[in-house]
PDB file of N, CA and C in Angstrom:
ATOM      1  N   MET A   1      21.922  12.216  -9.163  1.00  0.00           N
ATOM      2  CA  MET A   1      20.883  13.199  -8.773  1.00  0.00           C
ATOM      3  C   MET A   1      20.248  12.739  -7.490  1.00  0.00           C
ATOM      4  N   THR A   2      20.189  13.620  -6.533  1.00  0.00           N
ATOM      5  CA  THR A   2      19.616  13.282  -5.228  1.00  0.00           C
ATOM      6  C   THR A   2      18.112  13.231  -5.347  1.00  0.00           C
ATOM      7  N   GLN A   3      17.499  12.523  -4.429  1.00  0.00           N
ATOM      8  CA  GLN A   3      16.113  12.444  -4.300  1.00  0.00           C
ATOM      9  C   GLN A   3      15.382  13.764  -4.152  1.00  0.00           C
ATOM     10  N   LEU A   4      15.948  14.684  -3.408  1.00  0.00           N
ATOM     11  CA  LEU A   4      15.382  15.962  -3.193  1.00  0.00           C
ATOM     12  C   LEU A   4      15.333  16.801  -4.496  1.00  0.00           C
ATOM     13  N   SER A   5      16.485  16.787  -5.162  1.00  0.00           N
ATOM     14  CA  SER A   5      16.465  17.588  -6.387  1.00  0.00           C
ATOM     15  C   SER A   5      15.603  16.992  -7.431  1.00  0.00           C
ATOM     16  N   ARG A   6      15.448  15.710  -7.427  1.00  0.00           N
ATOM     17  CA  ARG A   6      14.468  15.089  -8.362  1.00  0.00           C
ATOM     18  C   ARG A   6      13.113  15.514  -8.026  1.00  0.00           C
ATOM     19  N   PHE A   7      12.753  15.506  -6.715  1.00  0.00           N
ATOM     20  CA  PHE A   7      11.429  15.879  -6.221  1.00  0.00           C
ATOM     21  C   PHE A   7      11.178  17.366  -6.576  1.00  0.00           C
ATOM     22  N   ASP A   8      12.200  18.200  -6.392  1.00  0.00           N
ATOM     23  CA  ASP A   8      12.039  19.606  -6.702  1.00  0.00           C
ATOM     24  C   ASP A   8      11.789  19.797  -8.147  1.00  0.00           C
ATOM     25  N   GLN A   9      12.428  19.025  -9.055  1.00  0.00           N
ATOM     26  CA  GLN A   9      12.177  19.069 -10.457  1.00  0.00           C
ATOM     27  C   GLN A   9      10.802  18.713 -10.822  1.00  0.00           C
ATOM     28  N   VAL A  10      10.217  17.676 -10.149  1.00  0.00           N
ATOM     29  CA  VAL A  10       8.900  17.273 -10.407  1.00  0.00           C
ATOM     30  C   VAL A  10       7.921  18.387  -9.982  1.00  0.00           C
ATOM     31  N   LEU A  11       8.163  18.980  -8.835  1.00  0.00           N
ATOM     32  CA  LEU A  11       7.318  20.071  -8.386  1.00  0.00           C
ATOM     33  C   LEU A  11       7.367  21.251  -9.313  1.00  0.00           C
ATOM     34  N   GLU A  12       8.541  21.581  -9.864  1.00  0.00           N
ATOM     35  CA  GLU A  12       8.594  22.644 -10.813  1.00  0.00           C
ATOM     36  C   GLU A  12       7.835  22.360 -12.053  1.00  0.00           C
ATOM     37  N   SER A  13       7.884  21.118 -12.495  1.00  0.00           N
ATOM     38  CA  SER A  13       7.190  20.669 -13.719  1.00  0.00           C
ATOM     39  C   SER A  13       5.698  20.773 -13.460  1.00  0.00           C
ATOM     40  N   VAL A  14       5.290  20.404 -12.269  1.00  0.00           N
ATOM     41  CA  VAL A  14       3.834  20.443 -11.965  1.00  0.00           C
ATOM     42  C   VAL A  14       3.365  21.907 -11.964  1.00  0.00           C
ATOM     43  N   GLU A  15       4.209  22.806 -11.381  1.00  0.00           N
ATOM     44  CA  GLU A  15       3.826  24.215 -11.396  1.00  0.00           C
ATOM     45  C   GLU A  15       3.679  24.808 -12.798  1.00  0.00           C
ATOM     46  N   ASP A  16       4.346  24.208 -13.726  1.00  0.00           N
ATOM     47  CA  ASP A  16       4.243  24.682 -15.101  1.00  0.00           C
ATOM     48  C   ASP A  16       2.941  24.260 -15.793  1.00  0.00           C
ATOM     49  N   LEU A  17       2.288  23.276 -15.210  1.00  0.00           N
ATOM     50  CA  LEU A  17       0.981  22.795 -15.790  1.00  0.00           C
ATOM     51  C   LEU A  17      -0.127  23.774 -15.500  1.00  0.00           C
ATOM     52  N   SER A  18      -1.126  23.722 -16.302  1.00  0.00           N
ATOM     53  CA  SER A  18      -2.400  24.553 -15.992  1.00  0.00           C
ATOM     54  C   SER A  18      -3.036  23.936 -14.778  1.00  0.00           C
ATOM     55  N   VAL A  19      -3.976  24.722 -14.221  1.00  0.00           N
ATOM     56  CA  VAL A  19      -4.746  24.242 -13.092  1.00  0.00           C
ATOM     57  C   VAL A  19      -5.559  23.011 -13.443  1.00  0.00           C
ATOM     58  N   ASP A  20      -6.132  22.946 -14.612  1.00  0.00           N
ATOM     59  CA  ASP A  20      -6.896  21.736 -15.053  1.00  0.00           C
ATOM     60  C   ASP A  20      -5.942  20.513 -15.141  1.00  0.00           C
ATOM     61  N   GLU A  21      -4.763  20.796 -15.739  1.00  0.00           N
ATOM     62  CA  GLU A  21      -3.792  19.634 -15.799  1.00  0.00           C
ATOM     63  C   GLU A  21      -3.313  19.222 -14.452  1.00  0.00           C
ATOM     64  N   GLN A  22      -3.155  20.147 -13.555  1.00  0.00           N
ATOM     65  CA  GLN A  22      -2.733  19.785 -12.144  1.00  0.00           C
ATOM     66  C   GLN A  22      -3.807  18.952 -11.467  1.00  0.00           C
ATOM     67  N   GLU A  23      -5.069  19.346 -11.665  1.00  0.00           N
ATOM     68  CA  GLU A  23      -6.198  18.558 -11.080  1.00  0.00           C
ATOM     69  C   GLU A  23      -6.270  17.142 -11.728  1.00  0.00           C
ATOM     70  N   ALA A  24      -6.026  17.108 -13.019  1.00  0.00           N
ATOM     71  CA  ALA A  24      -6.085  15.803 -13.698  1.00  0.00           C
ATOM     72  C   ALA A  24      -4.964  14.903 -13.143  1.00  0.00           C
ATOM     73  N   LEU A  25      -3.765  15.545 -12.918  1.00  0.00           N
ATOM     74  CA  LEU A  25      -2.605  14.797 -12.386  1.00  0.00           C
ATOM     75  C   LEU A  25      -2.941  14.274 -10.972  1.00  0.00           C
ATOM     76  N   ILE A  26      -3.488  15.145 -10.152  1.00  0.00           N
ATOM     77  CA  ILE A  26      -3.888  14.735  -8.776  1.00  0.00           C
ATOM     78  C   ILE A  26      -4.854  13.518  -8.877  1.00  0.00           C
ATOM     79  N   ASP A  27      -5.888  13.591  -9.685  1.00  0.00           N
ATOM     80  CA  ASP A  27      -6.812  12.458  -9.815  1.00  0.00           C
ATOM     81  C   ASP A  27      -6.088  11.254 -10.279  1.00  0.00           C
ATOM     82  N   LEU A  28      -5.194  11.328 -11.257  1.00  0.00           N
ATOM     83  CA  LEU A  28      -4.447  10.188 -11.704  1.00  0.00           C
ATOM     84  C   LEU A  28      -3.589   9.515 -10.604  1.00  0.00           C
ATOM     85  N   ILE A  29      -2.906  10.431  -9.916  1.00  0.00           N
ATOM     86  CA  ILE A  29      -2.047   9.897  -8.839  1.00  0.00           C
ATOM     87  C   ILE A  29      -2.913   9.249  -7.683  1.00  0.00           C
ATOM     88  N   ARG A  30      -4.039   9.810  -7.346  1.00  0.00           N
ATOM     89  CA  ARG A  30      -4.943   9.150  -6.411  1.00  0.00           C
ATOM     90  C   ARG A  30      -5.405   7.790  -6.832  1.00  0.00           C
ATOM     91  N   HIS A  31      -5.803   7.712  -8.084  1.00  0.00           N
ATOM     92  CA  HIS A  31      -6.245   6.432  -8.650  1.00  0.00           C
ATOM     93  C   HIS A  31      -5.116   5.444  -8.648  1.00  0.00           C
ATOM     94  N   ARG A  32      -3.927   5.817  -9.088  1.00  0.00           N
ATOM     95  CA  ARG A  32      -2.777   4.926  -9.031  1.00  0.00           C
ATOM     96  C   ARG A  32      -2.384   4.443  -7.626  1.00  0.00           C
ATOM     97  N   LEU A  33      -2.496   5.362  -6.690  1.00  0.00           N
ATOM     98  CA  LEU A  33      -2.248   5.009  -5.323  1.00  0.00           C
ATOM     99  C   LEU A  33      -3.246   3.976  -4.793  1.00  0.00           C
ATOM    100  N   ALA A  34      -4.529   4.285  -5.164  1.00  0.00           N
ATOM    101  CA  ALA A  34      -5.564   3.285  -4.657  1.00  0.00           C
ATOM    102  C   ALA A  34      -5.327   1.949  -5.344  1.00  0.00           C
ATOM    103  N   GLU A  35      -4.914   1.927  -6.605  1.00  0.00           N
ATOM    104  CA  GLU A  35      -4.667   0.604  -7.216  1.00  0.00           C
ATOM    105  C   GLU A  35      -3.474  -0.108  -6.553  1.00  0.00           C
ATOM    106  N   ARG A  36      -2.403   0.636  -6.201  1.00  0.00           N
ATOM    107  CA  ARG A  36      -1.285   0.079  -5.504  1.00  0.00           C
ATOM    108  C   ARG A  36      -1.723  -0.521  -4.136  1.00  0.00           C
ATOM    109  N   ARG A  37      -2.660   0.191  -3.422  1.00  0.00           N
ATOM    110  CA  ARG A  37      -3.113  -0.315  -2.139  1.00  0.00           C
ATOM    111  C   ARG A  37      -3.991  -1.567  -2.339  1.00  0.00           C
ATOM    112  N   ARG A  38      -4.792  -1.550  -3.438  1.00  0.00           N
ATOM    113  CA  ARG A  38      -5.608  -2.748  -3.698  1.00  0.00           C
ATOM    114  C   ARG A  38      -4.664  -3.931  -4.103  1.00  0.00           C
ATOM    115  N   ASP A  39      -3.624  -3.698  -4.825  1.00  0.00           N
ATOM    116  CA  ASP A  39      -2.656  -4.753  -5.170  1.00  0.00           C
ATOM    117  C   ASP A  39      -1.977  -5.359  -3.905  1.00  0.00           C
ATOM    118  N   ALA A  40      -1.626  -4.418  -2.966  1.00  0.00           N
ATOM    119  CA  ALA A  40      -0.944  -4.845  -1.765  1.00  0.00           C
ATOM    120  C   ALA A  40      -1.916  -5.628  -0.894  1.00  0.00           C
ATOM    121  N   ILE A  41      -3.168  -5.215  -0.779  1.00  0.00           N
ATOM    122  CA  ILE A  41      -4.166  -5.977  -0.072  1.00  0.00           C
ATOM    123  C   ILE A  41      -4.337  -7.320  -0.647  1.00  0.00           C
ATOM    124  N   ALA A  42      -4.423  -7.410  -2.005  1.00  0.00           N
ATOM    125  CA  ALA A  42      -4.625  -8.704  -2.666  1.00  0.00           C
ATOM    126  C   ALA A  42      -3.435  -9.641  -2.423  1.00  0.00           C
ATOM    127  N   ALA A  43      -2.253  -9.074  -2.422  1.00  0.00           N
ATOM    128  CA  ALA A  43      -1.080  -9.853  -2.118  1.00  0.00           C
ATOM    129  C   ALA A  43      -0.990 -10.376  -0.712  1.00  0.00           C
ATOM    130  N   ASN A  44      -1.507  -9.514   0.263  1.00  0.00           N
ATOM    131  CA  ASN A  44      -1.573  -9.933   1.604  1.00  0.00           C
ATOM    132  C   ASN A  44      -2.589 -11.067   1.834  1.00  0.00           C
ATOM    133  N   ILE A  45      -3.672 -10.997   1.047  1.00  0.00           N
ATOM    134  CA  ILE A  45      -4.719 -12.059   1.153  1.00  0.00           C
ATOM    135  C   ILE A  45      -4.158 -13.350   0.611  1.00  0.00           C
ATOM    136  N   VAL A  46      -3.429 -13.328  -0.505  1.00  0.00           N
ATOM    137  CA  VAL A  46      -2.794 -14.539  -1.055  1.00  0.00           C
ATOM    138  C   VAL A  46      -1.801 -15.136  -0.077  1.00  0.00           C
ATOM    139  N   GLN A  47      -0.966 -14.215   0.526  1.00  0.00           N
ATOM    140  CA  GLN A  47       0.005 -14.718   1.446  1.00  0.00           C
ATOM    141  C   GLN A  47      -0.700 -15.344   2.726  1.00  0.00           C
ATOM    142  N   ALA A  48      -1.766 -14.713   3.151  1.00  0.00           N
ATOM    143  CA  ALA A  48      -2.536 -15.267   4.336  1.00  0.00           C
ATOM    144  C   ALA A  48      -3.086 -16.626   3.992  1.00  0.00           C
ATOM    145  N   GLN A  49      -3.625 -16.773   2.800  1.00  0.00           N
ATOM    146  CA  GLN A  49      -4.216 -18.087   2.356  1.00  0.00           C
ATOM    147  C   GLN A  49      -3.158 -19.129   2.297  1.00  0.00           C
ATOM    148  N   VAL A  50      -1.986 -18.823   1.824  1.00  0.00           N
ATOM    149  CA  VAL A  50      -0.883 -19.759   1.786  1.00  0.00           C
ATOM    150  C   VAL A  50      -0.480 -20.112   3.188  1.00  0.00           C
ATOM    151  N   GLU A  51      -0.344 -19.194   4.087  1.00  0.00           N
ATOM    152  CA  GLU A  51       0.003 -19.532   5.471  1.00  0.00           C
ATOM    153  C   GLU A  51      -1.078 -20.311   6.137  1.00  0.00           C
ATOM    154  N   TYR A  52      -2.356 -19.993   5.851  1.00  0.00           N
ATOM    155  CA  TYR A  52      -3.413 -20.722   6.454  1.00  0.00           C
ATOM    156  C   TYR A  52      -3.343 -22.185   5.986  1.00  0.00           C
ATOM    157  N   GLN A  53      -3.203 -22.397   4.641  1.00  0.00           N
ATOM    158  CA  GLN A  53      -3.125 -23.758   4.058  1.00  0.00           C
ATOM    159  C   GLN A  53      -1.947 -24.548   4.673  1.00  0.00           C
ATOM    160  N   ALA A  54      -0.872 -23.852   4.971  1.00  0.00           N
ATOM    161  CA  ALA A  54       0.377 -24.432   5.585  1.00  0.00           C
ATOM    162  C   ALA A  54       0.198 -24.719   7.067  1.00  0.00           C
ATOM    163  N   GLY A  55      -0.825 -24.244   7.635  1.00  0.00           N
ATOM    164  CA  GLY A  55      -1.058 -24.443   9.035  1.00  0.00           C
ATOM    165  C   GLY A  55      -0.287 -23.437   9.898  1.00  0.00           C
ATOM    166  N   LYS A  56       0.093 -22.354   9.363  1.00  0.00           N
ATOM    167  CA  LYS A  56       0.887 -21.382  10.138  1.00  0.00           C
ATOM    168  C   LYS A  56       0.042 -20.278  10.751  1.00  0.00           C
ATOM    169  N   VAL A  57      -1.324 -20.438  10.736  1.00  0.00           N
ATOM    170  CA  VAL A  57      -2.197 -19.426  11.274  1.00  0.00           C
ATOM    171  C   VAL A  57      -2.858 -20.007  12.594  1.00  0.00           C
ATOM    172  N   LEU A  58      -2.822 -19.197  13.617  1.00  0.00           N
ATOM    173  CA  LEU A  58      -3.442 -19.609  14.837  1.00  0.00           C
ATOM    174  C   LEU A  58      -4.897 -19.312  14.757  1.00  0.00           C
ATOM    175  N   ARG A  59      -5.767 -20.211  15.235  1.00  0.00           N
ATOM    176  CA  ARG A  59      -7.228 -19.932  15.301  1.00  0.00           C
ATOM    177  C   ARG A  59      -7.644 -20.183  16.670  1.00  0.00           C
ATOM    178  N   GLY A  60      -8.768 -19.433  16.984  1.00  0.00           N
ATOM    179  CA  GLY A  60      -9.405 -19.542  18.271  1.00  0.00           C
ATOM    180  C   GLY A  60      -9.810 -18.245  18.848  1.00  0.00           C
ATOM    181  N   THR A  61     -10.209 -18.284  20.076  1.00  0.00           N
ATOM    182  CA  THR A  61     -10.551 -16.985  20.782  1.00  0.00           C
ATOM    183  C   THR A  61      -9.315 -16.189  21.133  1.00  0.00           C
ATOM    184  N   VAL A  62      -9.463 -15.025  21.503  1.00  0.00           N
ATOM    185  CA  VAL A  62      -8.274 -14.243  21.897  1.00  0.00           C
ATOM    186  C   VAL A  62      -7.577 -14.896  23.086  1.00  0.00           C
ATOM    187  N   THR A  63      -8.280 -15.374  23.995  1.00  0.00           N
ATOM    188  CA  THR A  63      -7.707 -16.044  25.145  1.00  0.00           C
ATOM    189  C   THR A  63      -6.979 -17.260  24.757  1.00  0.00           C
ATOM    190  N   GLN A  64      -7.525 -18.076  23.849  1.00  0.00           N
ATOM    191  CA  GLN A  64      -6.823 -19.243  23.332  1.00  0.00           C
ATOM    192  C   GLN A  64      -5.577 -18.898  22.628  1.00  0.00           C
ATOM    193  N   ILE A  65      -5.592 -17.883  21.760  1.00  0.00           N
ATOM    194  CA  ILE A  65      -4.439 -17.485  20.958  1.00  0.00           C
ATOM    195  C   ILE A  65      -3.288 -16.986  21.907  1.00  0.00           C
ATOM    196  N   ILE A  66      -3.688 -16.171  22.854  1.00  0.00           N
ATOM    197  CA  ILE A  66      -2.704 -15.639  23.879  1.00  0.00           C
ATOM    198  C   ILE A  66      -2.068 -16.812  24.671  1.00  0.00           C
ATOM    199  N   ASP A  67      -2.856 -17.752  25.071  1.00  0.00           N
ATOM    200  CA  ASP A  67      -2.368 -18.938  25.810  1.00  0.00           C
ATOM    201  C   ASP A  67      -1.453 -19.726  24.873  1.00  0.00           C
ATOM    202  N   GLU A  68      -1.734 -19.882  23.649  1.00  0.00           N
ATOM    203  CA  GLU A  68      -0.838 -20.543  22.722  1.00  0.00           C
ATOM    204  C   GLU A  68       0.463 -19.897  22.504  1.00  0.00           C
ATOM    205  N   LEU A  69       0.413 -18.505  22.393  1.00  0.00           N
ATOM    206  CA  LEU A  69       1.615 -17.717  22.196  1.00  0.00           C
ATOM    207  C   LEU A  69       2.498 -17.762  23.367  1.00  0.00           C
ATOM    208  N   ARG A  70       1.939 -17.973  24.578  1.00  0.00           N
ATOM    209  CA  ARG A  70       2.780 -17.964  25.775  1.00  0.00           C
ATOM    210  C   ARG A  70       3.481 -19.276  25.996  1.00  0.00           C
ATOM    211  N   LYS A  71       3.102 -20.332  25.216  1.00  0.00           N
ATOM    212  CA  LYS A  71       3.741 -21.645  25.451  1.00  0.00           C
ATOM    213  C   LYS A  71       5.165 -21.605  24.907  1.00  0.00           C
TER     214      LYS A  71
END
């Protein structure tokens, strides 16, 4: 099954829902997307902390960092 036909099937299923059910679905999807974004941000923070502890993070002013990157 192709991605488009699967998407079309989902859209058709959503159309079969009542307006209230569609609104509830929208709210649910928004909350799940927000949760995914929070999880991704948390994972990025953990990764940044690991890199910082390993000394892989440059610190300093913009000028100092640019000078360091040019070396």
